[in-house]
Amino acid sequence: MAIGILLGALTAGSGLPYIFNITGIPNWRILLSLSSLLAFLGAIIIYLFIQEGPHLVPGA
């Protein structure tokens, strides 16, 4: 399941600039701000909902 989520995230991330281009917003600063905001939102979601696995091993 984790590999499927990773593959889906990579696919969506690769296609995101093309989706933003469809919006027709000519100002690149707005598009860059929007994509940065979405990346930050994704980081917050991961921080809040992803837990360490049951087989956590301490570093060497």
PDB file of N, CA and C in Angstrom:
ATOM      1  N   MET A   1       0.817  -1.185   0.000  1.00  0.00           N
ATOM      2  CA  MET A   1       0.000   0.000   0.000  1.00  0.00           C
ATOM      3  C   MET A   1       0.867   1.258   0.000  1.00  0.00           C
ATOM      4  N   ALA A   2       1.983   1.205   0.741  1.00  0.00           N
ATOM      5  CA  ALA A   2       2.857   2.372   0.820  1.00  0.00           C
ATOM      6  C   ALA A   2       3.471   2.696  -0.537  1.00  0.00           C
ATOM      7  N   ILE A   3       3.828   1.662  -1.294  1.00  0.00           N
ATOM      8  CA  ILE A   3       4.400   1.906  -2.618  1.00  0.00           C
ATOM      9  C   ILE A   3       3.342   2.483  -3.553  1.00  0.00           C
ATOM     10  N   GLY A   4       2.105   2.033  -3.415  1.00  0.00           N
ATOM     11  CA  GLY A   4       1.026   2.586  -4.228  1.00  0.00           C
ATOM     12  C   GLY A   4       0.782   4.053  -3.918  1.00  0.00           C
ATOM     13  N   ILE A   5       0.834   4.423  -2.639  1.00  0.00           N
ATOM     14  CA  ILE A   5       0.661   5.829  -2.261  1.00  0.00           C
ATOM     15  C   ILE A   5       1.826   6.661  -2.787  1.00  0.00           C
ATOM     16  N   LEU A   6       3.038   6.131  -2.677  1.00  0.00           N
ATOM     17  CA  LEU A   6       4.209   6.835  -3.186  1.00  0.00           C
ATOM     18  C   LEU A   6       4.122   7.030  -4.694  1.00  0.00           C
ATOM     19  N   LEU A   7       3.724   6.010  -5.401  1.00  0.00           N
ATOM     20  CA  LEU A   7       3.593   6.109  -6.856  1.00  0.00           C
ATOM     21  C   LEU A   7       2.506   7.112  -7.243  1.00  0.00           C
ATOM     22  N   GLY A   8       1.382   7.082  -6.537  1.00  0.00           N
ATOM     23  CA  GLY A   8       0.318   8.049  -6.806  1.00  0.00           C
ATOM     24  C   GLY A   8       0.758   9.477  -6.520  1.00  0.00           C
ATOM     25  N   ALA A   9       1.510   9.677  -5.436  1.00  0.00           N
ATOM     26  CA  ALA A   9       1.994  11.018  -5.103  1.00  0.00           C
ATOM     27  C   ALA A   9       2.992  11.522  -6.142  1.00  0.00           C
ATOM     28  N   LEU A  10       3.861  10.636  -6.613  1.00  0.00           N
ATOM     29  CA  LEU A  10       4.816  11.035  -7.651  1.00  0.00           C
ATOM     30  C   LEU A  10       4.110  11.378  -8.960  1.00  0.00           C
ATOM     31  N   THR A  11       3.102  10.599  -9.303  1.00  0.00           N
ATOM     32  CA  THR A  11       2.349  10.868 -10.529  1.00  0.00           C
ATOM     33  C   THR A  11       1.594  12.186 -10.424  1.00  0.00           C
ATOM     34  N   ALA A  12       0.933  12.395  -9.300  1.00  0.00           N
ATOM     35  CA  ALA A  12       0.188  13.652  -9.113  1.00  0.00           C
ATOM     36  C   ALA A  12       1.144  14.844  -9.074  1.00  0.00           C
ATOM     37  N   GLY A  13       2.294  14.682  -8.421  1.00  0.00           N
ATOM     38  CA  GLY A  13       3.267  15.766  -8.356  1.00  0.00           C
ATOM     39  C   GLY A  13       3.872  16.091  -9.705  1.00  0.00           C
ATOM     40  N   SER A  14       4.053  15.085 -10.536  1.00  0.00           N
ATOM     41  CA  SER A  14       4.594  15.335 -11.876  1.00  0.00           C
ATOM     42  C   SER A  14       3.573  16.015 -12.774  1.00  0.00           C
ATOM     43  N   GLY A  15       2.311  15.722 -12.583  1.00  0.00           N
ATOM     44  CA  GLY A  15       1.273  16.319 -13.425  1.00  0.00           C
ATOM     45  C   GLY A  15       0.744  17.641 -12.911  1.00  0.00           C
ATOM     46  N   LEU A  16       1.118  18.012 -11.689  1.00  0.00           N
ATOM     47  CA  LEU A  16       0.584  19.232 -11.093  1.00  0.00           C
ATOM     48  C   LEU A  16       0.898  20.498 -11.891  1.00  0.00           C
ATOM     49  N   PRO A  17       2.113  20.695 -12.438  1.00  0.00           N
ATOM     50  CA  PRO A  17       2.348  21.902 -13.237  1.00  0.00           C
ATOM     51  C   PRO A  17       1.434  21.998 -14.466  1.00  0.00           C
ATOM     52  N   TYR A  18       1.106  20.871 -15.063  1.00  0.00           N
ATOM     53  CA  TYR A  18       0.235  20.890 -16.237  1.00  0.00           C
ATOM     54  C   TYR A  18      -1.202  21.228 -15.837  1.00  0.00           C
ATOM     55  N   ILE A  19      -1.607  20.739 -14.668  1.00  0.00           N
ATOM     56  CA  ILE A  19      -2.941  21.084 -14.172  1.00  0.00           C
ATOM     57  C   ILE A  19      -3.020  22.572 -13.870  1.00  0.00           C
ATOM     58  N   PHE A  20      -1.951  23.113 -13.264  1.00  0.00           N
ATOM     59  CA  PHE A  20      -1.920  24.556 -12.992  1.00  0.00           C
ATOM     60  C   PHE A  20      -1.927  25.363 -14.283  1.00  0.00           C
ATOM     61  N   ASN A  21      -1.303  24.847 -15.338  1.00  0.00           N
ATOM     62  CA  ASN A  21      -1.274  25.554 -16.617  1.00  0.00           C
ATOM     63  C   ASN A  21      -2.666  25.639 -17.224  1.00  0.00           C
ATOM     64  N   ILE A  22      -3.511  24.656 -16.971  1.00  0.00           N
ATOM     65  CA  ILE A  22      -4.878  24.665 -17.504  1.00  0.00           C
ATOM     66  C   ILE A  22      -5.693  25.803 -16.904  1.00  0.00           C
ATOM     67  N   THR A  23      -5.347  26.214 -15.657  1.00  0.00           N
ATOM     68  CA  THR A  23      -6.110  27.276 -14.999  1.00  0.00           C
ATOM     69  C   THR A  23      -6.048  28.590 -15.758  1.00  0.00           C
ATOM     70  N   GLY A  24      -4.997  28.809 -16.522  1.00  0.00           N
ATOM     71  CA  GLY A  24      -4.893  30.029 -17.309  1.00  0.00           C
ATOM     72  C   GLY A  24      -4.363  31.216 -16.524  1.00  0.00           C
ATOM     73  N   ILE A  25      -3.826  30.987 -15.331  1.00  0.00           N
ATOM     74  CA  ILE A  25      -3.253  32.083 -14.552  1.00  0.00           C
ATOM     75  C   ILE A  25      -1.878  32.402 -15.140  1.00  0.00           C
ATOM     76  N   PRO A  26      -1.702  33.600 -15.710  1.00  0.00           N
ATOM     77  CA  PRO A  26      -0.438  33.900 -16.385  1.00  0.00           C
ATOM     78  C   PRO A  26       0.705  34.249 -15.424  1.00  0.00           C
ATOM     79  N   ASN A  27       0.377  34.666 -14.206  1.00  0.00           N
ATOM     80  CA  ASN A  27       1.420  35.087 -13.278  1.00  0.00           C
ATOM     81  C   ASN A  27       2.060  33.873 -12.623  1.00  0.00           C
ATOM     82  N   TRP A  28       3.349  33.669 -12.870  1.00  0.00           N
ATOM     83  CA  TRP A  28       4.035  32.494 -12.351  1.00  0.00           C
ATOM     84  C   TRP A  28       4.203  32.554 -10.840  1.00  0.00           C
ATOM     85  N   ARG A  29       4.193  33.752 -10.272  1.00  0.00           N
ATOM     86  CA  ARG A  29       4.353  33.877  -8.819  1.00  0.00           C
ATOM     87  C   ARG A  29       3.144  33.295  -8.084  1.00  0.00           C
ATOM     88  N   ILE A  30       1.963  33.479  -8.636  1.00  0.00           N
ATOM     89  CA  ILE A  30       0.759  32.913  -8.019  1.00  0.00           C
ATOM     90  C   ILE A  30       0.806  31.393  -8.074  1.00  0.00           C
ATOM     91  N   LEU A  31       1.216  30.840  -9.218  1.00  0.00           N
ATOM     92  CA  LEU A  31       1.297  29.389  -9.360  1.00  0.00           C
ATOM     93  C   LEU A  31       2.356  28.796  -8.438  1.00  0.00           C
ATOM     94  N   LEU A  32       3.485  29.488  -8.309  1.00  0.00           N
ATOM     95  CA  LEU A  32       4.533  29.006  -7.420  1.00  0.00           C
ATOM     96  C   LEU A  32       4.070  29.060  -5.967  1.00  0.00           C
ATOM     97  N   SER A  33       3.373  30.111  -5.602  1.00  0.00           N
ATOM     98  CA  SER A  33       2.847  30.222  -4.239  1.00  0.00           C
ATOM     99  C   SER A  33       1.800  29.142  -3.970  1.00  0.00           C
ATOM    100  N   LEU A  34       0.950  28.877  -4.939  1.00  0.00           N
ATOM    101  CA  LEU A  34      -0.080  27.851  -4.783  1.00  0.00           C
ATOM    102  C   LEU A  34       0.542  26.467  -4.618  1.00  0.00           C
ATOM    103  N   SER A  35       1.535  26.142  -5.433  1.00  0.00           N
ATOM    104  CA  SER A  35       2.162  24.827  -5.317  1.00  0.00           C
ATOM    105  C   SER A  35       2.954  24.712  -4.014  1.00  0.00           C
ATOM    106  N   SER A  36       3.572  25.794  -3.557  1.00  0.00           N
ATOM    107  CA  SER A  36       4.282  25.764  -2.275  1.00  0.00           C
ATOM    108  C   SER A  36       3.312  25.591  -1.125  1.00  0.00           C
ATOM    109  N   LEU A  37       2.175  26.241  -1.203  1.00  0.00           N
ATOM    110  CA  LEU A  37       1.155  26.093  -0.171  1.00  0.00           C
ATOM    111  C   LEU A  37       0.636  24.663  -0.111  1.00  0.00           C
ATOM    112  N   LEU A  38       0.409  24.048  -1.264  1.00  0.00           N
ATOM    113  CA  LEU A  38      -0.049  22.663  -1.286  1.00  0.00           C
ATOM    114  C   LEU A  38       1.013  21.706  -0.744  1.00  0.00           C
ATOM    115  N   ALA A  39       2.285  21.970  -1.041  1.00  0.00           N
ATOM    116  CA  ALA A  39       3.360  21.132  -0.496  1.00  0.00           C
ATOM    117  C   ALA A  39       3.426  21.266   1.023  1.00  0.00           C
ATOM    118  N   PHE A  40       3.261  22.479   1.526  1.00  0.00           N
ATOM    119  CA  PHE A  40       3.260  22.702   2.976  1.00  0.00           C
ATOM    120  C   PHE A  40       2.071  22.005   3.631  1.00  0.00           C
ATOM    121  N   LEU A  41       0.915  22.061   2.992  1.00  0.00           N
ATOM    122  CA  LEU A  41      -0.269  21.386   3.504  1.00  0.00           C
ATOM    123  C   LEU A  41      -0.044  19.867   3.543  1.00  0.00           C
ATOM    124  N   GLY A  42       0.583  19.323   2.527  1.00  0.00           N
ATOM    125  CA  GLY A  42       0.902  17.900   2.508  1.00  0.00           C
ATOM    126  C   GLY A  42       1.862  17.521   3.625  1.00  0.00           C
ATOM    127  N   ALA A  43       2.844  18.386   3.902  1.00  0.00           N
ATOM    128  CA  ALA A  43       3.781  18.121   4.991  1.00  0.00           C
ATOM    129  C   ALA A  43       3.070  18.122   6.339  1.00  0.00           C
ATOM    130  N   ILE A  44       2.133  19.037   6.519  1.00  0.00           N
ATOM    131  CA  ILE A  44       1.370  19.089   7.775  1.00  0.00           C
ATOM    132  C   ILE A  44       0.520  17.832   7.934  1.00  0.00           C
ATOM    133  N   ILE A  45      -0.109  17.390   6.854  1.00  0.00           N
ATOM    134  CA  ILE A  45      -0.931  16.177   6.909  1.00  0.00           C
ATOM    135  C   ILE A  45      -0.073  14.971   7.272  1.00  0.00           C
ATOM    136  N   ILE A  46       1.093  14.866   6.670  1.00  0.00           N
ATOM    137  CA  ILE A  46       1.989  13.748   6.984  1.00  0.00           C
ATOM    138  C   ILE A  46       2.435  13.816   8.438  1.00  0.00           C
ATOM    139  N   TYR A  47       2.789  14.995   8.917  1.00  0.00           N
ATOM    140  CA  TYR A  47       3.248  15.145  10.299  1.00  0.00           C
ATOM    141  C   TYR A  47       2.160  14.749  11.292  1.00  0.00           C
ATOM    142  N   LEU A  48       0.920  15.082  10.988  1.00  0.00           N
ATOM    143  CA  LEU A  48      -0.162  14.822  11.925  1.00  0.00           C
ATOM    144  C   LEU A  48      -0.661  13.380  11.898  1.00  0.00           C
ATOM    145  N   PHE A  49      -0.651  12.730  10.742  1.00  0.00           N
ATOM    146  CA  PHE A  49      -1.325  11.450  10.613  1.00  0.00           C
ATOM    147  C   PHE A  49      -0.432  10.236  10.414  1.00  0.00           C
ATOM    148  N   ILE A  50       0.848  10.416  10.117  1.00  0.00           N
ATOM    149  CA  ILE A  50       1.737   9.280   9.881  1.00  0.00           C
ATOM    150  C   ILE A  50       2.494   8.960  11.159  1.00  0.00           C
ATOM    151  N   GLN A  51       2.426   7.720  11.587  1.00  0.00           N
ATOM    152  CA  GLN A  51       3.083   7.265  12.810  1.00  0.00           C
ATOM    153  C   GLN A  51       4.290   6.403  12.450  1.00  0.00           C
ATOM    154  N   GLU A  52       5.205   6.271  13.401  1.00  0.00           N
ATOM    155  CA  GLU A  52       6.353   5.392  13.216  1.00  0.00           C
ATOM    156  C   GLU A  52       5.871   3.944  13.160  1.00  0.00           C
ATOM    157  N   GLY A  53       6.587   3.121  12.424  1.00  0.00           N
ATOM    158  CA  GLY A  53       6.215   1.726  12.276  1.00  0.00           C
ATOM    159  C   GLY A  53       6.452   0.929  13.549  1.00  0.00           C
ATOM    160  N   PRO A  54       5.907  -0.281  13.607  1.00  0.00           N
ATOM    161  CA  PRO A  54       6.061  -1.092  14.819  1.00  0.00           C
ATOM    162  C   PRO A  54       7.460  -1.676  14.980  1.00  0.00           C
ATOM    163  N   HIS A  55       8.260  -1.666  13.909  1.00  0.00           N
ATOM    164  CA  HIS A  55       9.600  -2.275  13.946  1.00  0.00           C
ATOM    165  C   HIS A  55      10.697  -1.216  13.924  1.00  0.00           C
ATOM    166  N   LEU A  56      10.514  -0.144  14.663  1.00  0.00           N
ATOM    167  CA  LEU A  56      11.476   0.942  14.703  1.00  0.00           C
ATOM    168  C   LEU A  56      12.776   0.466  15.362  1.00  0.00           C
ATOM    169  N   VAL A  57      13.903   0.663  14.683  1.00  0.00           N
ATOM    170  CA  VAL A  57      15.199   0.226  15.191  1.00  0.00           C
ATOM    171  C   VAL A  57      16.033   1.472  15.474  1.00  0.00           C
ATOM    172  N   PRO A  58      16.666   1.553  16.635  1.00  0.00           N
ATOM    173  CA  PRO A  58      17.506   2.727  16.927  1.00  0.00           C
ATOM    174  C   PRO A  58      18.721   2.762  16.005  1.00  0.00           C
ATOM    175  N   GLY A  59      19.219   3.948  15.754  1.00  0.00           N
ATOM    176  CA  GLY A  59      20.374   4.123  14.887  1.00  0.00           C
ATOM    177  C   GLY A  59      21.630   3.527  15.488  1.00  0.00           C
ATOM    178  N   ALA A  60      22.599   3.274  14.638  1.00  0.00           N
ATOM    179  CA  ALA A  60      23.867   2.665  15.094  1.00  0.00           C
ATOM    180  C   ALA A  60      24.695   3.657  15.883  1.00  0.00           C
TER     181      ALA A  60
END
